[in-house]
PDB file of N, CA and C in Angstrom:
ATOM      1  N   MET A   1       0.848  -1.188   0.000  1.00  0.00           N
ATOM      2  CA  MET A   1       0.000   0.000   0.000  1.00  0.00           C
ATOM      3  C   MET A   1       0.884   1.239   0.000  1.00  0.00           C
ATOM      4  N   SER A   2       0.622   2.130  -0.925  1.00  0.00           N
ATOM      5  CA  SER A   2       1.400   3.360  -0.979  1.00  0.00           C
ATOM      6  C   SER A   2       0.944   4.326   0.112  1.00  0.00           C
ATOM      7  N   PHE A   3       1.814   5.233   0.442  1.00  0.00           N
ATOM      8  CA  PHE A   3       1.536   6.201   1.502  1.00  0.00           C
ATOM      9  C   PHE A   3       0.746   7.373   0.927  1.00  0.00           C
ATOM     10  N   LYS A   4      -0.268   7.798   1.664  1.00  0.00           N
ATOM     11  CA  LYS A   4      -1.080   8.948   1.264  1.00  0.00           C
ATOM     12  C   LYS A   4      -1.259   9.861   2.461  1.00  0.00           C
ATOM     13  N   ALA A   5      -1.376  11.137   2.167  1.00  0.00           N
ATOM     14  CA  ALA A   5      -1.659  12.123   3.215  1.00  0.00           C
ATOM     15  C   ALA A   5      -2.610  13.159   2.638  1.00  0.00           C
ATOM     16  N   GLU A   6      -3.713  13.366   3.335  1.00  0.00           N
ATOM     17  CA  GLU A   6      -4.698  14.362   2.922  1.00  0.00           C
ATOM     18  C   GLU A   6      -4.918  15.336   4.066  1.00  0.00           C
ATOM     19  N   LEU A   7      -5.097  16.603   3.695  1.00  0.00           N
ATOM     20  CA  LEU A   7      -5.285  17.656   4.696  1.00  0.00           C
ATOM     21  C   LEU A   7      -6.741  18.052   4.799  1.00  0.00           C
ATOM     22  N   ARG A   8      -7.139  18.357   6.009  1.00  0.00           N
ATOM     23  CA  ARG A   8      -8.443  18.992   6.247  1.00  0.00           C
ATOM     24  C   ARG A   8      -8.282  19.925   7.430  1.00  0.00           C
ATOM     25  N   HIS A   9      -9.102  20.963   7.445  1.00  0.00           N
ATOM     26  CA  HIS A   9      -9.033  21.955   8.519  1.00  0.00           C
ATOM     27  C   HIS A   9     -10.291  21.888   9.369  1.00  0.00           C
ATOM     28  N   VAL A  10     -10.108  21.957  10.662  1.00  0.00           N
ATOM     29  CA  VAL A  10     -11.207  22.112  11.609  1.00  0.00           C
ATOM     30  C   VAL A  10     -10.815  23.308  12.470  1.00  0.00           C
ATOM     31  N   GLY A  11     -11.461  24.435  12.204  1.00  0.00           N
ATOM     32  CA  GLY A  11     -11.070  25.673  12.877  1.00  0.00           C
ATOM     33  C   GLY A  11      -9.647  26.016  12.493  1.00  0.00           C
ATOM     34  N   ASP A  12      -8.795  26.268  13.497  1.00  0.00           N
ATOM     35  CA  ASP A  12      -7.408  26.621  13.214  1.00  0.00           C
ATOM     36  C   ASP A  12      -6.459  25.429  13.321  1.00  0.00           C
ATOM     37  N   VAL A  13      -7.023  24.225  13.335  1.00  0.00           N
ATOM     38  CA  VAL A  13      -6.225  23.003  13.393  1.00  0.00           C
ATOM     39  C   VAL A  13      -6.222  22.352  12.010  1.00  0.00           C
ATOM     40  N   VAL A  14      -5.044  21.979  11.546  1.00  0.00           N
ATOM     41  CA  VAL A  14      -4.953  21.215  10.300  1.00  0.00           C
ATOM     42  C   VAL A  14      -4.773  19.748  10.687  1.00  0.00           C
ATOM     43  N   ILE A  15      -5.645  18.912  10.137  1.00  0.00           N
ATOM     44  CA  ILE A  15      -5.583  17.476  10.391  1.00  0.00           C
ATOM     45  C   ILE A  15      -4.978  16.822   9.159  1.00  0.00           C
ATOM     46  N   VAL A  16      -3.952  16.029   9.386  1.00  0.00           N
ATOM     47  CA  VAL A  16      -3.308  15.291   8.308  1.00  0.00           C
ATOM     48  C   VAL A  16      -3.750  13.840   8.428  1.00  0.00           C
ATOM     49  N   ASP A  17      -4.646  13.426   7.529  1.00  0.00           N
ATOM     50  CA  ASP A  17      -5.114  12.037   7.511  1.00  0.00           C
ATOM     51  C   ASP A  17      -4.124  11.229   6.683  1.00  0.00           C
ATOM     52  N   MET A  18      -3.407  10.328   7.340  1.00  0.00           N
ATOM     53  CA  MET A  18      -2.383   9.543   6.665  1.00  0.00           C
ATOM     54  C   MET A  18      -2.838   8.098   6.525  1.00  0.00           C
ATOM     55  N   ALA A  19      -2.353   7.447   5.472  1.00  0.00           N
ATOM     56  CA  ALA A  19      -2.683   6.045   5.238  1.00  0.00           C
ATOM     57  C   ALA A  19      -1.488   5.368   4.592  1.00  0.00           C
ATOM     58  N   GLY A  20      -1.263   4.116   4.963  1.00  0.00           N
ATOM     59  CA  GLY A  20      -0.176   3.335   4.380  1.00  0.00           C
ATOM     60  C   GLY A  20       0.920   3.060   5.384  1.00  0.00           C
ATOM     61  N   ARG A  21       2.120   2.887   4.863  1.00  0.00           N
ATOM     62  CA  ARG A  21       3.289   2.580   5.684  1.00  0.00           C
ATOM     63  C   ARG A  21       4.215   3.790   5.702  1.00  0.00           C
ATOM     64  N   LEU A  22       4.567   4.223   6.894  1.00  0.00           N
ATOM     65  CA  LEU A  22       5.480   5.355   7.063  1.00  0.00           C
ATOM     66  C   LEU A  22       6.877   4.773   7.259  1.00  0.00           C
ATOM     67  N   THR A  23       7.613   4.672   6.144  1.00  0.00           N
ATOM     68  CA  THR A  23       8.897   3.987   6.158  1.00  0.00           C
ATOM     69  C   THR A  23       9.952   4.801   5.417  1.00  0.00           C
ATOM     70  N   ILE A  24      11.187   4.322   5.498  1.00  0.00           N
ATOM     71  CA  ILE A  24      12.296   4.982   4.820  1.00  0.00           C
ATOM     72  C   ILE A  24      11.974   5.115   3.330  1.00  0.00           C
ATOM     73  N   GLY A  25      12.354   6.243   2.780  1.00  0.00           N
ATOM     74  CA  GLY A  25      12.114   6.458   1.354  1.00  0.00           C
ATOM     75  C   GLY A  25      11.027   7.481   1.111  1.00  0.00           C
ATOM     76  N   GLU A  26      10.199   7.174   0.144  1.00  0.00           N
ATOM     77  CA  GLU A  26       9.213   8.136  -0.341  1.00  0.00           C
ATOM     78  C   GLU A  26       8.228   8.601   0.739  1.00  0.00           C
ATOM     79  N   SER A  27       7.702   7.683   1.548  1.00  0.00           N
ATOM     80  CA  SER A  27       6.679   8.093   2.523  1.00  0.00           C
ATOM     81  C   SER A  27       7.247   9.003   3.606  1.00  0.00           C
ATOM     82  N   ALA A  28       8.432   8.684   4.110  1.00  0.00           N
ATOM     83  CA  ALA A  28       9.044   9.545   5.129  1.00  0.00           C
ATOM     84  C   ALA A  28       9.362  10.914   4.535  1.00  0.00           C
ATOM     85  N   GLY A  29       9.864  10.925   3.309  1.00  0.00           N
ATOM     86  CA  GLY A  29      10.153  12.192   2.637  1.00  0.00           C
ATOM     87  C   GLY A  29       8.895  13.005   2.391  1.00  0.00           C
ATOM     88  N   MET A  30       7.805  12.327   2.022  1.00  0.00           N
ATOM     89  CA  MET A  30       6.534  13.016   1.790  1.00  0.00           C
ATOM     90  C   MET A  30       6.044  13.671   3.076  1.00  0.00           C
ATOM     91  N   MET A  31       6.137  12.943   4.180  1.00  0.00           N
ATOM     92  CA  MET A  31       5.696  13.505   5.452  1.00  0.00           C
ATOM     93  C   MET A  31       6.569  14.694   5.844  1.00  0.00           C
ATOM     94  N   ARG A  32       7.884  14.571   5.679  1.00  0.00           N
ATOM     95  CA  ARG A  32       8.805  15.662   6.006  1.00  0.00           C
ATOM     96  C   ARG A  32       8.442  16.918   5.227  1.00  0.00           C
ATOM     97  N   ASN A  33       8.267  16.775   3.917  1.00  0.00           N
ATOM     98  CA  ASN A  33       7.949  17.924   3.071  1.00  0.00           C
ATOM     99  C   ASN A  33       6.598  18.528   3.425  1.00  0.00           C
ATOM    100  N   LEU A  34       5.626  17.687   3.726  1.00  0.00           N
ATOM    101  CA  LEU A  34       4.293  18.165   4.075  1.00  0.00           C
ATOM    102  C   LEU A  34       4.330  19.005   5.348  1.00  0.00           C
ATOM    103  N   VAL A  35       4.981  18.494   6.386  1.00  0.00           N
ATOM    104  CA  VAL A  35       5.039  19.229   7.657  1.00  0.00           C
ATOM    105  C   VAL A  35       5.836  20.521   7.492  1.00  0.00           C
ATOM    106  N   LYS A  36       6.934  20.470   6.768  1.00  0.00           N
ATOM    107  CA  LYS A  36       7.720  21.693   6.540  1.00  0.00           C
ATOM    108  C   LYS A  36       6.890  22.734   5.796  1.00  0.00           C
ATOM    109  N   GLU A  37       6.101  22.301   4.832  1.00  0.00           N
ATOM    110  CA  GLU A  37       5.253  23.231   4.082  1.00  0.00           C
ATOM    111  C   GLU A  37       4.169  23.830   4.987  1.00  0.00           C
ATOM    112  N   LEU A  38       3.578  23.012   5.852  1.00  0.00           N
ATOM    113  CA  LEU A  38       2.567  23.527   6.786  1.00  0.00           C
ATOM    114  C   LEU A  38       3.181  24.571   7.714  1.00  0.00           C
ATOM    115  N   VAL A  39       4.381  24.297   8.222  1.00  0.00           N
ATOM    116  CA  VAL A  39       5.069  25.248   9.104  1.00  0.00           C
ATOM    117  C   VAL A  39       5.378  26.528   8.334  1.00  0.00           C
ATOM    118  N   ARG A  40       5.851  26.381   7.100  1.00  0.00           N
ATOM    119  CA  ARG A  40       6.172  27.551   6.272  1.00  0.00           C
ATOM    120  C   ARG A  40       4.936  28.422   6.040  1.00  0.00           C
ATOM    121  N   LYS A  41       3.777  27.787   5.932  1.00  0.00           N
ATOM    122  CA  LYS A  41       2.522  28.524   5.722  1.00  0.00           C
ATOM    123  C   LYS A  41       1.980  29.114   7.019  1.00  0.00           C
ATOM    124  N   GLY A  42       2.637  28.832   8.134  1.00  0.00           N
ATOM    125  CA  GLY A  42       2.219  29.420   9.401  1.00  0.00           C
ATOM    126  C   GLY A  42       1.233  28.590  10.198  1.00  0.00           C
ATOM    127  N   GLU A  43       1.038  27.332   9.815  1.00  0.00           N
ATOM    128  CA  GLU A  43       0.148  26.461  10.595  1.00  0.00           C
ATOM    129  C   GLU A  43       0.805  26.180  11.942  1.00  0.00           C
ATOM    130  N   LYS A  44       0.068  26.408  13.021  1.00  0.00           N
ATOM    131  CA  LYS A  44       0.616  26.244  14.367  1.00  0.00           C
ATOM    132  C   LYS A  44       0.039  25.048  15.117  1.00  0.00           C
ATOM    133  N   LYS A  45      -1.061  24.506  14.615  1.00  0.00           N
ATOM    134  CA  LYS A  45      -1.721  23.386  15.292  1.00  0.00           C
ATOM    135  C   LYS A  45      -1.928  22.275  14.277  1.00  0.00           C
ATOM    136  N   ILE A  46      -1.173  21.189  14.463  1.00  0.00           N
ATOM    137  CA  ILE A  46      -1.195  20.086  13.509  1.00  0.00           C
ATOM    138  C   ILE A  46      -1.539  18.797  14.245  1.00  0.00           C
ATOM    139  N   LEU A  47      -2.513  18.089  13.710  1.00  0.00           N
ATOM    140  CA  LEU A  47      -2.950  16.814  14.268  1.00  0.00           C
ATOM    141  C   LEU A  47      -2.698  15.731  13.223  1.00  0.00           C
ATOM    142  N   LEU A  48      -1.824  14.792  13.544  1.00  0.00           N
ATOM    143  CA  LEU A  48      -1.505  13.699  12.626  1.00  0.00           C
ATOM    144  C   LEU A  48      -2.413  12.520  12.924  1.00  0.00           C
ATOM    145  N   ASN A  49      -3.315  12.225  12.000  1.00  0.00           N
ATOM    146  CA  ASN A  49      -4.247  11.114  12.161  1.00  0.00           C
ATOM    147  C   ASN A  49      -3.600   9.856  11.587  1.00  0.00           C
ATOM    148  N   LEU A  50      -3.230   8.941  12.463  1.00  0.00           N
ATOM    149  CA  LEU A  50      -2.525   7.721  12.077  1.00  0.00           C
ATOM    150  C   LEU A  50      -3.451   6.508  11.987  1.00  0.00           C
ATOM    151  N   LYS A  51      -4.737   6.739  11.935  1.00  0.00           N
ATOM    152  CA  LYS A  51      -5.707   5.637  11.956  1.00  0.00           C
ATOM    153  C   LYS A  51      -5.446   4.614  10.858  1.00  0.00           C
ATOM    154  N   GLU A  52      -5.081   5.071   9.679  1.00  0.00           N
ATOM    155  CA  GLU A  52      -4.876   4.167   8.546  1.00  0.00           C
ATOM    156  C   GLU A  52      -3.400   3.878   8.273  1.00  0.00           C
ATOM    157  N   VAL A  53      -2.516   4.248   9.209  1.00  0.00           N
ATOM    158  CA  VAL A  53      -1.096   3.943   9.064  1.00  0.00           C
ATOM    159  C   VAL A  53      -0.863   2.568   9.682  1.00  0.00           C
ATOM    160  N   SER A  54      -0.429   1.637   8.855  1.00  0.00           N
ATOM    161  CA  SER A  54      -0.304   0.249   9.306  1.00  0.00           C
ATOM    162  C   SER A  54       1.057  -0.082   9.901  1.00  0.00           C
ATOM    163  N   TYR A  55       2.072   0.718   9.575  1.00  0.00           N
ATOM    164  CA  TYR A  55       3.423   0.380  10.020  1.00  0.00           C
ATOM    165  C   TYR A  55       4.292   1.632  10.009  1.00  0.00           C
ATOM    166  N   VAL A  56       5.160   1.737  11.006  1.00  0.00           N
ATOM    167  CA  VAL A  56       6.146   2.822  11.067  1.00  0.00           C
ATOM    168  C   VAL A  56       7.495   2.179  11.378  1.00  0.00           C
ATOM    169  N   ASP A  57       8.499   2.439  10.509  1.00  0.00           N
ATOM    170  CA  ASP A  57       9.837   1.936  10.800  1.00  0.00           C
ATOM    171  C   ASP A  57      10.660   3.031  11.480  1.00  0.00           C
ATOM    172  N   SER A  58      11.949   2.776  11.674  1.00  0.00           N
ATOM    173  CA  SER A  58      12.777   3.750  12.390  1.00  0.00           C
ATOM    174  C   SER A  58      12.865   5.078  11.650  1.00  0.00           C
ATOM    175  N   ALA A  59      12.872   5.043  10.318  1.00  0.00           N
ATOM    176  CA  ALA A  59      12.912   6.294   9.552  1.00  0.00           C
ATOM    177  C   ALA A  59      11.605   7.062   9.724  1.00  0.00           C
ATOM    178  N   GLY A  60      10.491   6.358   9.720  1.00  0.00           N
ATOM    179  CA  GLY A  60       9.194   6.997   9.940  1.00  0.00           C
ATOM    180  C   GLY A  60       9.102   7.595  11.328  1.00  0.00           C
ATOM    181  N   LEU A  61       9.611   6.865  12.305  1.00  0.00           N
ATOM    182  CA  LEU A  61       9.636   7.366  13.675  1.00  0.00           C
ATOM    183  C   LEU A  61      10.517   8.612  13.755  1.00  0.00           C
ATOM    184  N   GLY A  62      11.637   8.569  13.059  1.00  0.00           N
ATOM    185  CA  GLY A  62      12.518   9.734  13.011  1.00  0.00           C
ATOM    186  C   GLY A  62      11.827  10.941  12.404  1.00  0.00           C
ATOM    187  N   GLU A  63      11.005  10.718  11.385  1.00  0.00           N
ATOM    188  CA  GLU A  63      10.268  11.829  10.774  1.00  0.00           C
ATOM    189  C   GLU A  63       9.210  12.382  11.723  1.00  0.00           C
ATOM    190  N   LEU A  64       8.600  11.531  12.529  1.00  0.00           N
ATOM    191  CA  LEU A  64       7.655  12.028  13.539  1.00  0.00           C
ATOM    192  C   LEU A  64       8.381  12.948  14.518  1.00  0.00           C
ATOM    193  N   VAL A  65       9.556  12.525  14.956  1.00  0.00           N
ATOM    194  CA  VAL A  65      10.340  13.336  15.896  1.00  0.00           C
ATOM    195  C   VAL A  65      10.796  14.632  15.231  1.00  0.00           C
ATOM    196  N   ALA A  66      11.263  14.538  13.990  1.00  0.00           N
ATOM    197  CA  ALA A  66      11.695  15.735  13.266  1.00  0.00           C
ATOM    198  C   ALA A  66      10.524  16.700  13.066  1.00  0.00           C
ATOM    199  N   SER A  67       9.357  16.155  12.792  1.00  0.00           N
ATOM    200  CA  SER A  67       8.162  16.991  12.631  1.00  0.00           C
ATOM    201  C   SER A  67       7.831  17.703  13.932  1.00  0.00           C
ATOM    202  N   TYR A  68       7.936  16.972  15.032  1.00  0.00           N
ATOM    203  CA  TYR A  68       7.701  17.575  16.343  1.00  0.00           C
ATOM    204  C   TYR A  68       8.664  18.741  16.561  1.00  0.00           C
ATOM    205  N   ALA A  69       9.937  18.527  16.245  1.00  0.00           N
ATOM    206  CA  ALA A  69      10.943  19.576  16.433  1.00  0.00           C
ATOM    207  C   ALA A  69      10.644  20.781  15.548  1.00  0.00           C
ATOM    208  N   SER A  70      10.303  20.547  14.287  1.00  0.00           N
ATOM    209  CA  SER A  70      10.023  21.649  13.355  1.00  0.00           C
ATOM    210  C   SER A  70       8.842  22.487  13.826  1.00  0.00           C
ATOM    211  N   VAL A  71       7.775  21.807  14.226  1.00  0.00           N
ATOM    212  CA  VAL A  71       6.568  22.517  14.653  1.00  0.00           C
ATOM    213  C   VAL A  71       6.816  23.235  15.974  1.00  0.00           C
ATOM    214  N   SER A  72       7.486  22.580  16.900  1.00  0.00           N
ATOM    215  CA  SER A  72       7.778  23.203  18.197  1.00  0.00           C
ATOM    216  C   SER A  72       8.684  24.416  18.038  1.00  0.00           C
ATOM    217  N   ASN A  73       9.670  24.323  17.169  1.00  0.00           N
ATOM    218  CA  ASN A  73      10.577  25.453  16.927  1.00  0.00           C
ATOM    219  C   ASN A  73       9.847  26.645  16.333  1.00  0.00           C
ATOM    220  N   ALA A  74       8.721  26.396  15.684  1.00  0.00           N
ATOM    221  CA  ALA A  74       7.902  27.478  15.124  1.00  0.00           C
ATOM    222  C   ALA A  74       6.811  27.901  16.110  1.00  0.00           C
ATOM    223  N   GLN A  75       6.974  27.523  17.393  1.00  0.00           N
ATOM    224  CA  GLN A  75       6.014  27.816  18.455  1.00  0.00           C
ATOM    225  C   GLN A  75       4.638  27.214  18.183  1.00  0.00           C
ATOM    226  N   GLY A  76       4.629  26.042  17.543  1.00  0.00           N
ATOM    227  CA  GLY A  76       3.377  25.354  17.258  1.00  0.00           C
ATOM    228  C   GLY A  76       3.234  24.093  18.092  1.00  0.00           C
ATOM    229  N   GLN A  77       2.149  23.378  17.837  1.00  0.00           N
ATOM    230  CA  GLN A  77       1.858  22.129  18.546  1.00  0.00           C
ATOM    231  C   GLN A  77       1.552  21.056  17.519  1.00  0.00           C
ATOM    232  N   ILE A  78       2.059  19.854  17.754  1.00  0.00           N
ATOM    233  CA  ILE A  78       1.752  18.713  16.910  1.00  0.00           C
ATOM    234  C   ILE A  78       1.353  17.562  17.826  1.00  0.00           C
ATOM    235  N   GLN A  79       0.264  16.898  17.455  1.00  0.00           N
ATOM    236  CA  GLN A  79      -0.252  15.812  18.279  1.00  0.00           C
ATOM    237  C   GLN A  79      -0.653  14.644  17.382  1.00  0.00           C
ATOM    238  N   LEU A  80      -0.832  13.491  18.006  1.00  0.00           N
ATOM    239  CA  LEU A  80      -1.178  12.280  17.275  1.00  0.00           C
ATOM    240  C   LEU A  80      -2.606  11.864  17.579  1.00  0.00           C
ATOM    241  N   LEU A  81      -3.221  11.258  16.584  1.00  0.00           N
ATOM    242  CA  LEU A  81      -4.602  10.773  16.716  1.00  0.00           C
ATOM    243  C   LEU A  81      -4.679   9.359  16.172  1.00  0.00           C
ATOM    244  N   HIS A  82      -5.377   8.494  16.874  1.00  0.00           N
ATOM    245  CA  HIS A  82      -5.670   7.128  16.428  1.00  0.00           C
ATOM    246  C   HIS A  82      -4.432   6.306  16.097  1.00  0.00           C
ATOM    247  N   THR A  83      -3.435   6.296  16.977  1.00  0.00           N
ATOM    248  CA  THR A  83      -2.285   5.429  16.715  1.00  0.00           C
ATOM    249  C   THR A  83      -2.716   3.973  16.846  1.00  0.00           C
ATOM    250  N   GLN A  84      -2.302   3.159  15.906  1.00  0.00           N
ATOM    251  CA  GLN A  84      -2.594   1.728  15.938  1.00  0.00           C
ATOM    252  C   GLN A  84      -1.764   1.079  17.045  1.00  0.00           C
ATOM    253  N   ALA A  85      -2.143  -0.114  17.455  1.00  0.00           N
ATOM    254  CA  ALA A  85      -1.509  -0.787  18.595  1.00  0.00           C
ATOM    255  C   ALA A  85       0.000  -0.921  18.428  1.00  0.00           C
ATOM    256  N   LYS A  86       0.459  -1.338  17.248  1.00  0.00           N
ATOM    257  CA  LYS A  86       1.900  -1.517  17.040  1.00  0.00           C
ATOM    258  C   LYS A  86       2.643  -0.188  17.161  1.00  0.00           C
ATOM    259  N   ILE A  87       2.043   0.865  16.642  1.00  0.00           N
ATOM    260  CA  ILE A  87       2.680   2.187  16.700  1.00  0.00           C
ATOM    261  C   ILE A  87       2.641   2.720  18.123  1.00  0.00           C
ATOM    262  N   HIS A  88       1.533   2.506  18.801  1.00  0.00           N
ATOM    263  CA  HIS A  88       1.414   2.907  20.201  1.00  0.00           C
ATOM    264  C   HIS A  88       2.492   2.210  21.037  1.00  0.00           C
ATOM    265  N   ASP A  89       2.686   0.908  20.804  1.00  0.00           N
ATOM    266  CA  ASP A  89       3.717   0.154  21.519  1.00  0.00           C
ATOM    267  C   ASP A  89       5.111   0.711  21.223  1.00  0.00           C
ATOM    268  N   LEU A  90       5.341   1.083  19.969  1.00  0.00           N
ATOM    269  CA  LEU A  90       6.627   1.664  19.576  1.00  0.00           C
ATOM    270  C   LEU A  90       6.875   2.971  20.331  1.00  0.00           C
ATOM    271  N   LEU A  91       5.844   3.786  20.481  1.00  0.00           N
ATOM    272  CA  LEU A  91       5.970   5.040  21.235  1.00  0.00           C
ATOM    273  C   LEU A  91       6.275   4.758  22.705  1.00  0.00           C
ATOM    274  N   GLN A  92       5.702   3.682  23.234  1.00  0.00           N
ATOM    275  CA  GLN A  92       5.967   3.307  24.627  1.00  0.00           C
ATOM    276  C   GLN A  92       7.412   2.846  24.810  1.00  0.00           C
ATOM    277  N   VAL A  93       7.867   1.950  23.929  1.00  0.00           N
ATOM    278  CA  VAL A  93       9.210   1.383  24.039  1.00  0.00           C
ATOM    279  C   VAL A  93      10.271   2.467  23.895  1.00  0.00           C
ATOM    280  N   THR A  94      10.053   3.412  23.000  1.00  0.00           N
ATOM    281  CA  THR A  94      11.031   4.474  22.759  1.00  0.00           C
ATOM    282  C   THR A  94      10.851   5.659  23.700  1.00  0.00           C
ATOM    283  N   LYS A  95       9.869   5.587  24.576  1.00  0.00           N
ATOM    284  CA  LYS A  95       9.553   6.653  25.532  1.00  0.00           C
ATOM    285  C   LYS A  95       9.058   7.938  24.855  1.00  0.00           C
ATOM    286  N   LEU A  96       8.691   7.851  23.577  1.00  0.00           N
ATOM    287  CA  LEU A  96       8.180   9.029  22.868  1.00  0.00           C
ATOM    288  C   LEU A  96       6.757   9.386  23.289  1.00  0.00           C
ATOM    289  N   TYR A  97       6.107   8.511  24.048  1.00  0.00           N
ATOM    290  CA  TYR A  97       4.799   8.850  24.587  1.00  0.00           C
ATOM    291  C   TYR A  97       4.891  10.069  25.511  1.00  0.00           C
ATOM    292  N   THR A  98       6.107  10.350  26.005  1.00  0.00           N
ATOM    293  CA  THR A  98       6.281  11.535  26.850  1.00  0.00           C
ATOM    294  C   THR A  98       6.394  12.805  26.012  1.00  0.00           C
ATOM    295  N   VAL A  99       6.631  12.655  24.718  1.00  0.00           N
ATOM    296  CA  VAL A  99       6.797  13.786  23.818  1.00  0.00           C
ATOM    297  C   VAL A  99       5.485  14.119  23.106  1.00  0.00           C
ATOM    298  N   PHE A 100       4.838  13.094  22.599  1.00  0.00           N
ATOM    299  CA  PHE A 100       3.629  13.285  21.799  1.00  0.00           C
ATOM    300  C   PHE A 100       2.367  13.082  22.622  1.00  0.00           C
ATOM    301  N   ALA A 101       1.449  14.037  22.507  1.00  0.00           N
ATOM    302  CA  ALA A 101       0.107  13.807  23.026  1.00  0.00           C
ATOM    303  C   ALA A 101      -0.574  12.893  22.012  1.00  0.00           C
ATOM    304  N   ASP A 102      -1.209  11.841  22.479  1.00  0.00           N
ATOM    305  CA  ASP A 102      -1.807  10.828  21.614  1.00  0.00           C
ATOM    306  C   ASP A 102      -3.259  10.644  22.025  1.00  0.00           C
ATOM    307  N   TYR A 103      -4.169  10.864  21.090  1.00  0.00           N
ATOM    308  CA  TYR A 103      -5.603  10.814  21.385  1.00  0.00           C
ATOM    309  C   TYR A 103      -6.291   9.735  20.563  1.00  0.00           C
ATOM    310  N   SER A 104      -7.345   9.170  21.131  1.00  0.00           N
ATOM    311  CA  SER A 104      -8.161   8.204  20.405  1.00  0.00           C
ATOM    312  C   SER A 104      -9.491   8.820  19.983  1.00  0.00           C
ATOM    313  N   ASP A 105      -9.731  10.068  20.380  1.00  0.00           N
ATOM    314  CA  ASP A 105     -10.969  10.764  20.049  1.00  0.00           C
ATOM    315  C   ASP A 105     -10.636  12.102  19.399  1.00  0.00           C
ATOM    316  N   GLU A 106     -11.123  12.304  18.184  1.00  0.00           N
ATOM    317  CA  GLU A 106     -10.785  13.520  17.446  1.00  0.00           C
ATOM    318  C   GLU A 106     -11.285  14.779  18.144  1.00  0.00           C
ATOM    319  N   ALA A 107     -12.486  14.743  18.682  1.00  0.00           N
ATOM    320  CA  ALA A 107     -13.032  15.930  19.346  1.00  0.00           C
ATOM    321  C   ALA A 107     -12.171  16.326  20.551  1.00  0.00           C
ATOM    322  N   LEU A 108     -11.734  15.339  21.327  1.00  0.00           N
ATOM    323  CA  LEU A 108     -10.867  15.639  22.478  1.00  0.00           C
ATOM    324  C   LEU A 108      -9.521  16.183  22.016  1.00  0.00           C
ATOM    325  N   ALA A 109      -8.989  15.618  20.946  1.00  0.00           N
ATOM    326  CA  ALA A 109      -7.711  16.104  20.420  1.00  0.00           C
ATOM    327  C   ALA A 109      -7.830  17.551  19.976  1.00  0.00           C
ATOM    328  N   LEU A 110      -8.907  17.884  19.271  1.00  0.00           N
ATOM    329  CA  LEU A 110      -9.109  19.250  18.806  1.00  0.00           C
ATOM    330  C   LEU A 110      -9.252  20.201  19.992  1.00  0.00           C
ATOM    331  N   LYS A 111     -10.010  19.779  20.985  1.00  0.00           N
ATOM    332  CA  LYS A 111     -10.220  20.612  22.174  1.00  0.00           C
ATOM    333  C   LYS A 111      -8.912  20.826  22.932  1.00  0.00           C
ATOM    334  N   SER A 112      -8.037  19.842  22.920  1.00  0.00           N
ATOM    335  CA  SER A 112      -6.783  19.931  23.668  1.00  0.00           C
ATOM    336  C   SER A 112      -5.889  21.037  23.145  1.00  0.00           C
ATOM    337  N   PHE A 113      -5.987  21.362  21.851  1.00  0.00           N
ATOM    338  CA  PHE A 113      -5.172  22.449  21.312  1.00  0.00           C
ATOM    339  C   PHE A 113      -5.545  23.774  21.976  1.00  0.00           C
ATOM    340  N   SER A 114      -6.823  24.032  22.161  1.00  0.00           N
ATOM    341  CA  SER A 114      -7.223  25.289  22.795  1.00  0.00           C
ATOM    342  C   SER A 114      -6.865  25.272  24.280  1.00  0.00           C
ATOM    343  N   ASN A 115      -6.931  24.103  24.913  1.00  0.00           N
ATOM    344  CA  ASN A 115      -6.554  23.994  26.320  1.00  0.00           C
ATOM    345  C   ASN A 115      -5.073  24.257  26.514  1.00  0.00           C
ATOM    346  N   ARG A 116      -4.244  23.729  25.634  1.00  0.00           N
ATOM    347  CA  ARG A 116      -2.798  23.920  25.739  1.00  0.00           C
ATOM    348  C   ARG A 116      -2.412  25.358  25.467  1.00  0.00           C
ATOM    349  N   ALA A 117      -3.143  26.004  24.571  1.00  0.00           N
ATOM    350  CA  ALA A 117      -2.811  27.401  24.220  1.00  0.00           C
ATOM    351  C   ALA A 117      -3.035  28.318  25.417  1.00  0.00           C
ATOM    352  N   SER A 118      -4.016  27.990  26.250  1.00  0.00           N
ATOM    353  CA  SER A 118      -4.324  28.858  27.379  1.00  0.00           C
ATOM    354  C   SER A 118      -3.549  28.480  28.636  1.00  0.00           C
ATOM    355  N   ALA A 119      -2.847  27.343  28.571  1.00  0.00           N
ATOM    356  CA  ALA A 119      -2.116  26.873  29.751  1.00  0.00           C
ATOM    357  C   ALA A 119      -0.829  27.631  29.960  1.00  0.00           C
TER     358      ALA A 119
END
């Protein structure tokens, strides 16, 4: 399955609906370019929907971390939505669960951006 990413906006949050395998090569590069372009356009609240992402390798994980750094350096927020069990376990093993807010409910994830902004 090839990697796909589609954007949608809910208020001032851009949701990136991703599908496929986030691995070394084209998919990791696509994600890198997409997040950099969103940051360049001034997007400050990004929600990565991983519901349809079936696998993440070390390069994909590296791109998630790089995306976090890029968005944070631009004074923005990036969060995860609907991580699959294998990806959730990977975040636990690598201790990245302490870095990424991870939600299973889109409405709660969207609300959390406004809560964090006022905190």
